[in-house]
N, C-alpha and C. Protein backbone atom coordinates (compact mmCIF):
# COMPACT_ATOMS: atom_id res chain seq x y z
N UNK A 1 98.48 92.53 109.01
CA UNK A 1 98.71 91.14 108.73
C UNK A 1 97.42 90.48 108.32
N UNK A 2 97.49 89.49 107.41
CA UNK A 2 96.33 88.76 106.98
C UNK A 2 96.02 87.64 107.93
N UNK A 3 95.35 87.97 109.06
CA UNK A 3 95.17 86.99 110.13
C UNK A 3 94.29 85.83 109.73
N UNK A 4 93.37 86.01 108.77
CA UNK A 4 92.51 84.91 108.35
C UNK A 4 93.25 83.85 107.55
N UNK A 5 94.49 84.16 107.18
CA UNK A 5 95.32 83.18 106.50
C UNK A 5 96.13 82.31 107.44
N UNK A 6 96.14 82.71 108.74
CA UNK A 6 96.90 81.94 109.71
C UNK A 6 96.21 80.62 109.93
N UNK A 7 96.99 79.55 109.90
CA UNK A 7 96.49 78.20 109.90
C UNK A 7 97.00 77.55 108.62
N UNK A 8 96.58 78.11 107.50
CA UNK A 8 97.18 77.71 106.20
C UNK A 8 98.59 78.21 106.12
N UNK A 9 98.87 79.39 106.72
CA UNK A 9 100.20 79.98 106.80
C UNK A 9 100.56 80.17 108.27
N UNK A 10 101.83 80.23 108.53
CA UNK A 10 102.28 80.60 109.85
C UNK A 10 102.07 82.09 110.05
N UNK A 11 102.03 82.61 111.31
CA UNK A 11 101.92 84.05 111.47
C UNK A 11 103.01 84.82 110.74
N UNK A 12 104.22 84.30 110.72
CA UNK A 12 105.33 84.99 110.03
C UNK A 12 105.07 85.01 108.51
N UNK A 13 104.54 83.91 107.97
CA UNK A 13 104.22 83.87 106.54
C UNK A 13 103.10 84.82 106.23
N UNK A 14 102.06 84.88 107.10
CA UNK A 14 100.96 85.80 106.85
C UNK A 14 101.44 87.23 106.81
N UNK A 15 102.35 87.60 107.71
CA UNK A 15 102.92 88.95 107.69
C UNK A 15 103.76 89.16 106.44
N UNK A 16 104.48 88.13 106.01
CA UNK A 16 105.33 88.27 104.81
C UNK A 16 104.51 88.44 103.56
N UNK A 17 103.44 87.66 103.41
CA UNK A 17 102.61 87.78 102.20
C UNK A 17 101.87 89.11 102.20
N UNK A 18 101.45 89.60 103.38
CA UNK A 18 100.80 90.92 103.44
C UNK A 18 101.77 92.01 103.00
N UNK A 19 103.05 91.91 103.42
CA UNK A 19 104.04 92.91 102.99
C UNK A 19 104.24 92.83 101.47
N UNK A 20 104.24 91.60 100.92
CA UNK A 20 104.42 91.47 99.47
C UNK A 20 103.25 92.10 98.74
N UNK A 21 102.03 91.84 99.21
CA UNK A 21 100.86 92.46 98.61
C UNK A 21 101.04 93.99 98.58
N UNK A 22 101.39 94.53 99.74
CA UNK A 22 101.49 95.98 99.86
C UNK A 22 102.58 96.55 98.97
N UNK A 23 103.74 95.90 98.95
CA UNK A 23 104.86 96.39 98.13
C UNK A 23 104.51 96.34 96.65
N UNK A 24 103.90 95.26 96.22
CA UNK A 24 103.53 95.13 94.80
C UNK A 24 102.51 96.18 94.41
N UNK A 25 101.53 96.39 95.27
CA UNK A 25 100.49 97.38 94.97
C UNK A 25 101.02 98.79 94.97
N UNK A 26 101.89 99.12 95.94
CA UNK A 26 102.43 100.47 96.03
C UNK A 26 103.34 100.80 94.84
N UNK A 27 104.08 99.79 94.40
CA UNK A 27 104.96 100.04 93.22
C UNK A 27 104.12 100.47 92.03
N UNK A 28 102.91 99.87 91.86
CA UNK A 28 102.06 100.24 90.75
C UNK A 28 101.42 101.60 90.98
N UNK A 29 100.92 101.83 92.22
CA UNK A 29 100.18 103.05 92.48
C UNK A 29 101.06 104.29 92.49
N UNK A 30 102.37 104.14 92.74
CA UNK A 30 103.28 105.30 92.71
C UNK A 30 103.29 105.95 91.36
N UNK A 31 102.88 105.24 90.31
CA UNK A 31 102.85 105.80 88.96
C UNK A 31 101.59 106.60 88.71
N UNK A 32 100.70 106.61 89.67
CA UNK A 32 99.37 107.29 89.45
C UNK A 32 99.46 108.79 89.53
N UNK A 33 98.44 109.42 88.97
CA UNK A 33 98.37 110.90 88.96
C UNK A 33 97.58 111.38 90.17
N UNK A 34 97.98 110.95 91.36
CA UNK A 34 97.33 111.32 92.63
C UNK A 34 98.37 111.21 93.73
N UNK A 35 98.09 111.91 94.82
CA UNK A 35 98.96 111.77 96.01
C UNK A 35 98.62 110.47 96.70
N UNK A 36 99.62 109.84 97.27
CA UNK A 36 99.47 108.54 97.86
C UNK A 36 99.94 108.57 99.31
N UNK A 37 99.11 108.05 100.20
CA UNK A 37 99.47 107.98 101.63
C UNK A 37 99.10 106.58 102.16
N UNK A 38 99.86 106.15 103.13
CA UNK A 38 99.56 104.90 103.82
C UNK A 38 98.85 105.23 105.14
N UNK A 39 97.70 104.54 105.37
CA UNK A 39 96.94 104.72 106.60
C UNK A 39 97.16 103.46 107.43
N UNK A 40 97.84 103.62 108.57
CA UNK A 40 98.24 102.45 109.38
C UNK A 40 97.26 102.22 110.52
N UNK A 41 96.84 100.95 110.69
CA UNK A 41 96.09 100.53 111.87
C UNK A 41 97.12 100.05 112.90
N UNK A 42 97.31 100.86 113.96
CA UNK A 42 98.38 100.62 114.92
C UNK A 42 97.87 100.44 116.31
N UNK A 43 98.61 99.75 117.13
CA UNK A 43 98.30 99.62 118.55
C UNK A 43 98.57 100.95 119.27
N UNK A 44 97.89 101.19 120.38
CA UNK A 44 98.16 102.44 121.14
C UNK A 44 99.65 102.60 121.47
N UNK A 45 100.17 103.76 121.20
CA UNK A 45 101.54 104.02 121.52
C UNK A 45 102.53 103.59 120.44
N UNK A 46 102.04 102.84 119.44
CA UNK A 46 102.93 102.39 118.37
C UNK A 46 103.11 103.54 117.37
N UNK A 47 104.35 103.76 116.98
CA UNK A 47 104.67 104.86 116.09
C UNK A 47 104.33 104.53 114.66
N UNK A 48 103.97 105.55 113.90
CA UNK A 48 103.79 105.35 112.42
C UNK A 48 105.12 104.95 111.81
N UNK A 49 105.17 103.81 111.11
CA UNK A 49 106.46 103.36 110.57
C UNK A 49 107.04 104.34 109.57
N UNK A 50 108.34 104.41 109.53
CA UNK A 50 109.03 105.17 108.48
C UNK A 50 108.88 104.42 107.15
N UNK A 51 108.92 105.15 106.09
CA UNK A 51 108.82 104.49 104.78
C UNK A 51 108.95 105.50 103.66
N UNK A 52 108.85 104.99 102.44
CA UNK A 52 109.01 105.87 101.28
C UNK A 52 107.84 106.78 100.99
N UNK A 53 106.70 106.53 101.69
CA UNK A 53 105.49 107.33 101.46
C UNK A 53 105.05 107.96 102.78
N UNK A 54 104.33 109.11 102.70
CA UNK A 54 103.78 109.66 103.94
C UNK A 54 102.82 108.67 104.58
N UNK A 55 102.85 108.62 105.89
CA UNK A 55 101.96 107.70 106.61
C UNK A 55 101.14 108.43 107.66
N UNK A 56 99.91 107.99 107.89
CA UNK A 56 99.04 108.54 108.90
C UNK A 56 98.49 107.39 109.75
N UNK A 57 98.16 107.73 110.97
CA UNK A 57 97.57 106.74 111.91
C UNK A 57 96.07 106.71 111.72
N UNK A 58 95.49 105.54 111.61
CA UNK A 58 94.03 105.38 111.55
C UNK A 58 93.51 105.59 113.00
N UNK A 59 92.54 106.44 113.14
CA UNK A 59 91.96 106.72 114.45
C UNK A 59 90.46 106.31 114.41
N UNK A 60 90.03 105.64 115.48
CA UNK A 60 88.62 105.28 115.55
C UNK A 60 88.42 103.96 116.21
N UNK A 61 87.16 103.70 116.64
CA UNK A 61 86.83 102.49 117.38
C UNK A 61 86.64 101.29 116.49
N UNK A 62 86.22 101.50 115.24
CA UNK A 62 86.02 100.38 114.33
C UNK A 62 86.46 100.83 112.93
N UNK A 63 86.37 99.89 112.00
CA UNK A 63 86.86 100.17 110.64
C UNK A 63 86.08 101.34 110.04
N UNK A 64 84.79 101.45 110.28
CA UNK A 64 84.00 102.53 109.74
C UNK A 64 84.46 103.88 110.20
N UNK A 65 84.69 104.01 111.51
CA UNK A 65 85.15 105.29 112.04
C UNK A 65 86.53 105.62 111.55
N UNK A 66 87.41 104.58 111.43
CA UNK A 66 88.76 104.83 110.95
C UNK A 66 88.74 105.29 109.48
N UNK A 67 87.87 104.64 108.67
CA UNK A 67 87.76 105.09 107.26
C UNK A 67 87.27 106.52 107.17
N UNK A 68 86.20 106.82 107.95
CA UNK A 68 85.64 108.16 107.87
C UNK A 68 86.68 109.20 108.27
N UNK A 69 87.34 108.99 109.39
CA UNK A 69 88.28 109.98 109.86
C UNK A 69 89.48 110.19 108.91
N UNK A 70 89.95 109.10 108.36
CA UNK A 70 91.09 109.18 107.44
C UNK A 70 90.67 109.89 106.17
N UNK A 71 89.52 109.55 105.60
CA UNK A 71 89.06 110.17 104.35
C UNK A 71 88.66 111.62 104.60
N UNK A 72 88.07 111.92 105.75
CA UNK A 72 87.70 113.32 106.05
C UNK A 72 88.93 114.19 106.13
N UNK A 73 89.99 113.68 106.77
CA UNK A 73 91.23 114.44 106.89
C UNK A 73 91.85 114.68 105.52
N UNK A 74 91.84 113.65 104.66
CA UNK A 74 92.39 113.85 103.31
C UNK A 74 91.51 114.75 102.52
N UNK A 75 90.21 114.70 102.71
CA UNK A 75 89.29 115.56 101.99
C UNK A 75 89.41 117.03 102.35
N UNK A 76 90.04 117.33 103.48
CA UNK A 76 90.30 118.74 103.82
C UNK A 76 91.38 119.36 102.95
N UNK A 77 92.11 118.49 102.22
CA UNK A 77 93.19 118.96 101.38
C UNK A 77 93.00 118.67 99.92
N UNK A 78 91.93 117.95 99.55
CA UNK A 78 91.73 117.55 98.15
C UNK A 78 90.25 117.55 97.83
N UNK A 79 89.92 117.67 96.53
CA UNK A 79 88.53 117.70 96.12
C UNK A 79 87.89 116.32 96.05
N UNK A 80 88.75 115.29 95.95
CA UNK A 80 88.27 113.91 95.92
C UNK A 80 89.27 113.02 96.58
N UNK A 81 88.80 111.92 97.17
CA UNK A 81 89.66 111.04 97.96
C UNK A 81 89.25 109.59 97.69
N UNK A 82 90.13 108.68 98.00
CA UNK A 82 89.85 107.25 97.82
C UNK A 82 90.58 106.44 98.89
N UNK A 83 90.04 105.30 99.18
CA UNK A 83 90.72 104.34 100.08
C UNK A 83 90.63 102.96 99.43
N UNK A 84 91.70 102.21 99.49
CA UNK A 84 91.69 100.84 99.01
C UNK A 84 92.55 100.01 99.96
N UNK A 85 92.17 98.75 100.06
CA UNK A 85 92.91 97.89 100.94
C UNK A 85 94.11 97.23 100.25
N UNK A 86 94.96 96.65 101.07
CA UNK A 86 96.11 95.99 100.53
C UNK A 86 95.87 94.53 100.19
N UNK A 87 94.60 94.06 100.29
CA UNK A 87 94.29 92.68 100.04
C UNK A 87 93.77 92.45 98.58
N UNK A 88 94.06 93.40 97.71
CA UNK A 88 93.74 93.26 96.30
C UNK A 88 95.00 93.65 95.50
N UNK A 89 96.08 92.82 95.60
CA UNK A 89 97.36 93.23 95.11
C UNK A 89 97.44 93.40 93.57
N UNK A 90 96.52 92.79 92.85
CA UNK A 90 96.54 92.89 91.39
C UNK A 90 95.74 94.08 90.85
N UNK A 91 95.20 94.92 91.74
CA UNK A 91 94.36 96.03 91.30
C UNK A 91 95.10 96.88 90.25
N UNK A 92 94.54 97.04 89.05
CA UNK A 92 95.22 97.84 88.05
C UNK A 92 95.15 99.34 88.40
N UNK A 93 96.23 100.04 88.12
CA UNK A 93 96.27 101.48 88.33
C UNK A 93 95.12 102.16 87.57
N UNK A 94 94.82 101.65 86.38
CA UNK A 94 93.77 102.27 85.55
C UNK A 94 92.43 102.28 86.29
N UNK A 95 92.22 101.29 87.18
CA UNK A 95 90.93 101.25 87.88
C UNK A 95 90.84 102.42 88.88
N UNK A 96 91.96 102.73 89.53
CA UNK A 96 91.96 103.86 90.47
C UNK A 96 91.75 105.17 89.69
N UNK A 97 92.43 105.33 88.55
CA UNK A 97 92.25 106.50 87.74
C UNK A 97 90.77 106.61 87.29
N UNK A 98 90.18 105.48 86.93
CA UNK A 98 88.79 105.52 86.49
C UNK A 98 87.87 105.98 87.61
N UNK A 99 88.16 105.55 88.84
CA UNK A 99 87.32 106.01 89.98
C UNK A 99 87.37 107.52 90.10
N UNK A 100 88.53 108.08 90.04
CA UNK A 100 88.68 109.56 90.15
C UNK A 100 88.02 110.27 88.95
N UNK A 101 88.16 109.68 87.76
CA UNK A 101 87.51 110.28 86.58
C UNK A 101 86.03 110.31 86.71
N UNK A 102 85.45 109.27 87.29
CA UNK A 102 83.98 109.22 87.49
C UNK A 102 83.53 110.30 88.49
N UNK A 103 84.35 110.51 89.51
CA UNK A 103 84.03 111.59 90.44
C UNK A 103 84.09 112.95 89.72
N UNK A 104 85.09 113.15 88.91
CA UNK A 104 85.20 114.41 88.16
C UNK A 104 84.02 114.60 87.22
N UNK A 105 83.47 113.49 86.72
CA UNK A 105 82.36 113.55 85.77
C UNK A 105 81.01 113.70 86.45
N UNK A 106 80.98 113.70 87.82
CA UNK A 106 79.71 113.97 88.53
C UNK A 106 79.29 112.97 89.55
N UNK A 107 79.96 111.82 89.67
CA UNK A 107 79.59 110.87 90.73
C UNK A 107 79.98 111.46 92.10
N UNK A 108 79.20 111.09 93.12
CA UNK A 108 79.57 111.45 94.48
C UNK A 108 80.43 110.38 95.12
N UNK A 109 80.10 109.10 94.82
CA UNK A 109 80.75 107.94 95.38
C UNK A 109 81.01 106.93 94.26
N UNK A 110 82.19 106.31 94.30
CA UNK A 110 82.47 105.21 93.40
C UNK A 110 82.94 104.03 94.27
N UNK A 111 82.29 102.90 94.04
CA UNK A 111 82.64 101.68 94.79
C UNK A 111 83.15 100.59 93.84
N UNK A 112 84.18 99.87 94.30
CA UNK A 112 84.63 98.67 93.62
C UNK A 112 84.13 97.46 94.43
N UNK A 113 83.04 96.82 94.03
CA UNK A 113 82.49 95.71 94.79
C UNK A 113 83.40 94.49 94.75
N UNK A 114 83.56 93.82 95.91
CA UNK A 114 84.35 92.61 96.00
C UNK A 114 83.42 91.39 95.95
N UNK A 115 83.98 90.26 95.48
CA UNK A 115 83.19 89.06 95.36
C UNK A 115 82.63 88.57 96.71
N UNK A 116 83.28 88.94 97.80
CA UNK A 116 82.83 88.43 99.10
C UNK A 116 81.76 89.32 99.76
N UNK A 117 81.28 90.33 99.04
CA UNK A 117 80.22 91.16 99.56
C UNK A 117 80.71 92.46 100.19
N UNK A 118 82.01 92.68 100.19
CA UNK A 118 82.56 93.96 100.64
C UNK A 118 82.87 94.86 99.46
N UNK A 119 83.86 95.75 99.65
CA UNK A 119 84.33 96.51 98.51
C UNK A 119 85.85 96.66 98.66
N UNK A 120 86.51 96.70 97.49
CA UNK A 120 87.97 96.79 97.48
C UNK A 120 88.43 98.24 97.31
N UNK A 121 87.52 99.15 96.96
CA UNK A 121 87.87 100.54 96.77
C UNK A 121 86.64 101.38 97.01
N UNK A 122 86.82 102.51 97.68
CA UNK A 122 85.78 103.53 97.80
C UNK A 122 86.45 104.87 97.48
N UNK A 123 85.82 105.59 96.56
CA UNK A 123 86.29 106.92 96.21
C UNK A 123 85.10 107.89 96.37
N UNK A 124 85.39 109.09 96.85
CA UNK A 124 84.32 110.05 97.14
C UNK A 124 84.75 111.46 96.79
N UNK A 125 83.76 112.30 96.40
CA UNK A 125 83.98 113.71 96.46
C UNK A 125 84.23 114.09 97.93
N UNK A 126 85.10 115.06 98.16
CA UNK A 126 85.38 115.46 99.52
C UNK A 126 84.12 115.82 100.26
N UNK A 127 83.20 116.50 99.62
CA UNK A 127 81.96 116.92 100.25
C UNK A 127 80.99 115.78 100.55
N UNK A 128 81.24 114.58 100.02
CA UNK A 128 80.37 113.45 100.24
C UNK A 128 80.88 112.56 101.39
N UNK A 129 82.00 112.90 101.99
CA UNK A 129 82.53 112.09 103.08
C UNK A 129 81.73 112.36 104.33
N UNK A 130 80.83 111.47 104.68
CA UNK A 130 79.93 111.69 105.81
C UNK A 130 80.02 110.51 106.75
N UNK A 131 79.89 110.76 108.10
CA UNK A 131 79.96 109.64 109.05
C UNK A 131 78.94 108.59 108.77
N UNK A 132 77.75 108.97 108.36
CA UNK A 132 76.64 108.00 108.16
C UNK A 132 76.99 106.95 107.12
N UNK A 133 77.85 107.30 106.20
CA UNK A 133 78.22 106.35 105.15
C UNK A 133 78.98 105.17 105.68
N UNK A 134 79.55 105.31 106.87
CA UNK A 134 80.43 104.27 107.40
C UNK A 134 79.99 103.72 108.76
N UNK A 135 79.02 104.34 109.41
CA UNK A 135 78.66 103.90 110.74
C UNK A 135 77.66 102.75 110.73
N UNK A 136 77.82 101.86 111.70
CA UNK A 136 76.90 100.71 111.90
C UNK A 136 76.82 99.81 110.67
N UNK A 137 77.92 99.73 109.92
CA UNK A 137 78.05 98.78 108.82
C UNK A 137 78.55 97.44 109.40
N UNK A 138 78.05 96.34 108.91
CA UNK A 138 78.46 95.00 109.35
C UNK A 138 79.79 94.64 108.72
N UNK A 139 80.88 95.26 109.18
CA UNK A 139 82.16 95.09 108.59
C UNK A 139 82.61 93.61 108.65
N UNK A 140 83.38 93.24 107.61
CA UNK A 140 83.91 91.85 107.47
C UNK A 140 82.81 90.84 107.26
N UNK A 141 81.66 91.27 106.69
CA UNK A 141 80.60 90.34 106.30
C UNK A 141 80.19 90.64 104.88
N UNK A 142 79.30 89.80 104.36
CA UNK A 142 78.82 90.01 102.98
C UNK A 142 77.77 91.08 102.91
N UNK A 143 77.53 91.80 104.03
CA UNK A 143 76.57 92.89 104.04
C UNK A 143 77.20 94.26 103.78
N UNK A 144 78.50 94.31 103.74
CA UNK A 144 79.20 95.59 103.63
C UNK A 144 78.79 96.37 102.39
N UNK A 145 78.88 95.72 101.26
CA UNK A 145 78.54 96.41 99.98
C UNK A 145 77.08 96.78 99.94
N UNK A 146 76.13 95.87 100.15
CA UNK A 146 74.72 96.30 100.03
C UNK A 146 74.34 97.36 101.05
N UNK A 147 74.88 97.28 102.29
CA UNK A 147 74.58 98.31 103.26
C UNK A 147 75.16 99.67 102.87
N UNK A 148 76.33 99.66 102.26
CA UNK A 148 76.91 100.94 101.80
C UNK A 148 76.11 101.49 100.65
N UNK A 149 75.65 100.68 99.75
CA UNK A 149 74.79 101.14 98.66
C UNK A 149 73.53 101.76 99.22
N UNK A 150 72.94 101.15 100.26
CA UNK A 150 71.73 101.69 100.87
C UNK A 150 72.01 103.03 101.52
N UNK A 151 73.17 103.17 102.15
CA UNK A 151 73.51 104.44 102.77
C UNK A 151 73.65 105.56 101.70
N UNK A 152 74.22 105.21 100.57
CA UNK A 152 74.30 106.20 99.49
C UNK A 152 72.92 106.67 99.08
N UNK A 153 71.96 105.73 98.98
CA UNK A 153 70.57 106.11 98.64
C UNK A 153 70.01 107.02 99.71
N UNK A 154 70.21 106.59 100.97
CA UNK A 154 69.68 107.35 102.10
C UNK A 154 70.23 108.81 102.09
N UNK A 155 71.49 108.98 101.74
CA UNK A 155 72.12 110.29 101.76
C UNK A 155 71.94 111.05 100.47
N UNK A 156 71.29 110.42 99.49
CA UNK A 156 71.09 111.10 98.20
C UNK A 156 72.35 111.26 97.40
N UNK A 157 73.28 110.34 97.52
CA UNK A 157 74.54 110.42 96.82
C UNK A 157 74.48 109.64 95.52
N UNK A 158 75.02 110.24 94.46
CA UNK A 158 75.08 109.56 93.19
C UNK A 158 76.23 108.54 93.19
N UNK A 159 75.87 107.27 93.10
CA UNK A 159 76.84 106.16 93.18
C UNK A 159 77.10 105.55 91.84
N UNK A 160 78.35 105.24 91.57
CA UNK A 160 78.76 104.49 90.38
C UNK A 160 79.64 103.34 90.82
N UNK A 161 79.62 102.25 90.03
CA UNK A 161 80.32 101.03 90.39
C UNK A 161 81.42 100.68 89.40
N UNK A 162 82.54 100.25 89.92
CA UNK A 162 83.59 99.67 89.12
C UNK A 162 83.30 98.15 88.95
N UNK A 163 84.06 97.48 88.09
CA UNK A 163 83.84 96.05 87.93
C UNK A 163 84.05 95.28 89.24
N UNK A 164 83.29 94.22 89.42
CA UNK A 164 83.47 93.35 90.58
C UNK A 164 84.80 92.64 90.50
N UNK A 165 85.46 92.43 91.64
CA UNK A 165 86.74 91.77 91.66
C UNK A 165 86.89 91.02 92.99
N UNK A 166 87.90 90.16 93.03
CA UNK A 166 88.15 89.34 94.19
C UNK A 166 89.31 89.92 94.99
N UNK A 167 89.19 89.92 96.33
CA UNK A 167 90.35 90.24 97.15
C UNK A 167 90.87 88.94 97.75
N UNK A 168 91.86 89.04 98.62
CA UNK A 168 92.50 87.84 99.16
C UNK A 168 92.37 87.88 100.68
N UNK A 169 91.40 87.12 101.20
CA UNK A 169 91.14 87.05 102.66
C UNK A 169 91.39 85.66 103.22
N UNK A 170 91.14 84.63 102.43
CA UNK A 170 91.11 83.26 102.95
C UNK A 170 92.14 82.40 102.21
N UNK A 171 92.47 81.20 102.74
CA UNK A 171 93.37 80.29 102.02
C UNK A 171 92.88 79.95 100.63
N UNK A 172 91.56 79.85 100.46
CA UNK A 172 91.03 79.57 99.13
C UNK A 172 91.31 80.72 98.16
N UNK A 173 91.17 81.94 98.66
CA UNK A 173 91.52 83.11 97.85
C UNK A 173 92.99 83.11 97.44
N UNK A 174 93.85 82.67 98.39
CA UNK A 174 95.27 82.65 98.11
C UNK A 174 95.59 81.63 97.05
N UNK A 175 94.93 80.44 97.10
CA UNK A 175 95.14 79.44 96.06
C UNK A 175 94.67 79.97 94.72
N UNK A 176 93.54 80.67 94.69
CA UNK A 176 93.04 81.24 93.44
C UNK A 176 94.05 82.22 92.84
N UNK A 177 94.57 83.11 93.70
CA UNK A 177 95.57 84.07 93.25
C UNK A 177 96.81 83.38 92.72
N UNK A 178 97.29 82.34 93.44
CA UNK A 178 98.47 81.61 93.02
C UNK A 178 98.27 81.01 91.64
N UNK A 179 97.07 80.48 91.38
CA UNK A 179 96.79 79.89 90.06
C UNK A 179 96.84 80.95 88.96
N UNK A 180 96.32 82.16 89.24
CA UNK A 180 96.38 83.24 88.27
C UNK A 180 97.82 83.65 87.98
N UNK A 181 98.69 83.54 89.01
CA UNK A 181 100.06 84.00 88.84
C UNK A 181 100.99 82.98 88.23
N UNK A 182 100.51 81.81 87.88
CA UNK A 182 101.38 80.82 87.31
C UNK A 182 101.88 81.20 85.92
N UNK A 183 101.08 81.93 85.20
CA UNK A 183 101.44 82.28 83.81
C UNK A 183 101.80 83.75 83.65
N UNK A 184 101.49 84.59 84.61
CA UNK A 184 101.73 86.01 84.52
C UNK A 184 101.82 86.56 85.93
N UNK A 185 102.79 87.43 86.19
CA UNK A 185 102.87 87.95 87.55
C UNK A 185 101.85 89.04 87.85
N UNK A 186 101.15 89.51 86.83
CA UNK A 186 100.03 90.46 87.02
C UNK A 186 100.50 91.72 87.80
N UNK A 187 101.74 92.08 87.63
CA UNK A 187 102.30 93.20 88.32
C UNK A 187 102.58 92.94 89.78
N UNK A 188 102.68 91.64 90.16
CA UNK A 188 102.92 91.24 91.57
C UNK A 188 104.12 90.31 91.67
N UNK A 189 105.30 90.77 91.32
CA UNK A 189 106.45 89.86 91.31
C UNK A 189 106.82 89.35 92.69
N UNK A 190 106.67 90.16 93.74
CA UNK A 190 107.02 89.70 95.09
C UNK A 190 106.04 88.64 95.57
N UNK A 191 104.76 88.91 95.33
CA UNK A 191 103.75 87.94 95.74
C UNK A 191 103.94 86.62 94.99
N UNK A 192 104.20 86.72 93.70
CA UNK A 192 104.39 85.52 92.89
C UNK A 192 105.59 84.70 93.38
N UNK A 193 106.69 85.37 93.69
CA UNK A 193 107.87 84.69 94.12
C UNK A 193 107.65 83.98 95.49
N UNK A 194 106.95 84.65 96.39
CA UNK A 194 106.67 84.02 97.67
C UNK A 194 105.80 82.79 97.52
N UNK A 195 104.71 82.93 96.77
CA UNK A 195 103.79 81.78 96.61
C UNK A 195 104.49 80.64 95.89
N UNK A 196 105.34 80.95 94.95
CA UNK A 196 106.09 79.90 94.28
C UNK A 196 107.05 79.20 95.23
N UNK A 197 107.70 79.97 96.09
CA UNK A 197 108.63 79.37 97.06
C UNK A 197 107.86 78.47 98.06
N UNK A 198 106.62 78.81 98.36
CA UNK A 198 105.84 78.05 99.32
C UNK A 198 105.12 76.89 98.69
N UNK A 199 105.21 76.78 97.36
CA UNK A 199 104.56 75.66 96.69
C UNK A 199 103.05 75.81 96.51
N UNK A 200 102.57 77.07 96.49
CA UNK A 200 101.17 77.30 96.28
C UNK A 200 100.82 77.19 94.83
N UNK A 201 99.66 76.59 94.55
CA UNK A 201 99.17 76.46 93.15
C UNK A 201 97.71 76.12 93.20
C-alpha cells in the first residue's frame, strides 16, 4: 500500500491506487522477453497471495536485505536479474529491455535513478548481486541513489544509468501523474480511471 498517500487518500483509496499501479504495470511487463515474478512484503504468517504470476516472499530485516535475498535467489536461476517497484506505473517495457541489453553488453549494474534520490529499477549480472550493494543504505531518503553508486565504485562494478524518472510516493507526485494522464493513459488505464473518478488533476 502507498502509505505516504494516506491523508490525501483514505487507506482504502491508497490500497486501491496501489493495486491499479501494479495491475497496469504488470499488463505491460507480461509482454517482455523475461520471466516475471512478484516479490511480496508480507506480515509474519501471511501467505503469498494467489495470482496470475509466480510469487515469492521477501525475506529480511530491511529493504536492502529483502532486495539482496530476492535478487540472489533469482540469480541462482538466471544470468541477469532486475527489481523494480510498483510506484512507477508508467515505466515503459522498452526501459526494462534496455537494462537487460546493457547487462548483456558488459555492464555489471544498471540503475534507473528516480527524481527523489532513489532508484526505480536495479538490474544486475547474477554474479554482481552482493550484500554490500544493499546494506546500510539510507532507504526512503534522497541518499539511496548516490550511496548505491558509491557502493558500485567500492565493489569495482561497471555501472550504467537509465534516464531519470519520477515515481509516485507523495500526494504531489499523484497530482503530477494525474496531469500527465489527462491527455493519454500512458499504458495505465486503471490508474487513469481511478484518478478521474476521484477528481484528481
